[in-house]
Amino acid sequence: MKIEITRHAKERMRQYDIQEELVNSTLENPDSILGSYENRKIYQKKLNGYVIRVVVEEYKGIKVVLTVYKARSGRYEIQV
């Protein structure tokens, strides 16, 4: 599936020092996927005491990354 990253998500990636390869890895092999409002999904991956969260909307076979951020692992429970 094709992946597009919004300008906002790219800014967040710079802010949290998250590389595009990590975003792609999270989308391809997440530890968990949560439903969100409307048709959004949150892909999560554990990483060194943190959780990488990638918020995505899917349109016609394209995953559009809306935002990306890193949070402390205790803040979000990951179902593995």
Protein backbone atom coordinates (compact mmCIF):
# COMPACT_ATOMS: atom_id res chain seq x y z
CA MET A 1 0.00 0.00 0.00
CA LYS A 2 1.29 3.46 -0.86
CA ILE A 3 2.18 5.80 2.03
CA GLU A 4 1.97 9.59 1.99
CA ILE A 5 3.23 11.73 4.86
CA THR A 6 1.63 15.13 5.48
CA ARG A 7 3.65 18.26 6.16
CA HIS A 8 2.42 18.26 9.75
CA ALA A 9 3.59 14.67 10.26
CA LYS A 10 7.01 15.53 8.80
CA GLU A 11 7.30 18.45 11.23
CA ARG A 12 6.44 16.13 14.12
CA MET A 13 9.00 13.59 12.90
CA ARG A 14 11.67 16.31 13.02
CA GLN A 15 10.47 17.48 16.45
CA TYR A 16 10.63 13.97 17.95
CA ASP A 17 13.68 12.87 15.90
CA ILE A 18 11.76 10.01 14.26
CA GLN A 19 13.13 8.76 10.95
CA GLU A 20 10.89 7.83 8.03
CA GLU A 21 12.19 4.25 8.19
CA LEU A 22 10.76 3.94 11.72
CA VAL A 23 7.39 5.27 10.55
CA ASN A 24 7.35 2.74 7.70
CA SER A 25 8.38 -0.06 10.08
CA THR A 26 5.58 0.90 12.48
CA LEU A 27 3.04 0.81 9.65
CA GLU A 28 4.31 -2.50 8.25
CA ASN A 29 4.82 -4.32 11.55
CA PRO A 30 3.00 -2.57 14.43
CA ASP A 31 2.78 -3.92 17.96
CA SER A 32 -0.86 -2.84 17.94
CA ILE A 33 -3.44 -0.97 15.86
CA LEU A 34 -6.18 1.02 17.53
CA GLY A 35 -9.33 2.39 15.99
CA SER A 36 -9.90 6.10 16.32
CA TYR A 37 -12.66 8.47 15.34
CA GLU A 38 -13.94 8.57 11.77
CA ASN A 39 -11.79 6.25 9.64
CA ARG A 40 -8.47 6.86 11.41
CA LYS A 41 -6.20 4.20 12.85
CA ILE A 42 -3.34 4.55 15.30
CA TYR A 43 -0.38 2.25 14.67
CA GLN A 44 1.83 1.73 17.72
CA LYS A 45 5.29 0.30 18.22
CA LYS A 46 7.35 -0.06 21.41
CA LEU A 47 10.82 1.49 21.29
CA ASN A 48 13.28 1.89 24.18
CA GLY A 49 10.76 2.79 26.88
CA TYR A 50 8.64 4.82 24.47
CA VAL A 51 5.72 4.18 22.18
CA ILE A 52 5.81 5.51 18.62
CA ARG A 53 2.27 6.42 17.54
CA VAL A 54 1.43 6.95 13.87
CA VAL A 55 -2.05 8.31 13.11
CA VAL A 56 -3.28 7.31 9.65
CA GLU A 57 -6.30 7.72 7.38
CA GLU A 58 -6.71 5.41 4.41
CA TYR A 59 -8.03 6.62 1.06
CA LYS A 60 -8.32 4.43 -2.02
CA GLY A 61 -5.35 2.24 -1.15
CA ILE A 62 -3.18 5.06 0.20
CA LYS A 63 -2.20 5.40 3.86
CA VAL A 64 -1.99 9.10 4.68
CA VAL A 65 0.12 9.73 7.79
CA LEU A 66 -1.52 12.64 9.63
CA THR A 67 0.77 12.85 12.65
CA VAL A 68 3.56 10.97 14.40
CA TYR A 69 4.74 11.26 17.96
CA LYS A 70 6.67 9.54 20.71
CA ALA A 71 5.12 9.03 24.16
CA ARG A 72 6.24 7.38 27.37
CA SER A 73 5.27 3.72 27.28
CA GLY A 74 3.27 3.95 30.51
CA ARG A 75 0.97 6.54 29.01
CA TYR A 76 -0.51 4.22 26.38
CA GLU A 77 -1.23 0.57 26.98
CA ILE A 78 -0.12 -1.59 24.07
CA GLN A 79 -1.97 -4.82 23.42
CA VAL A 80 0.57 -7.24 21.96
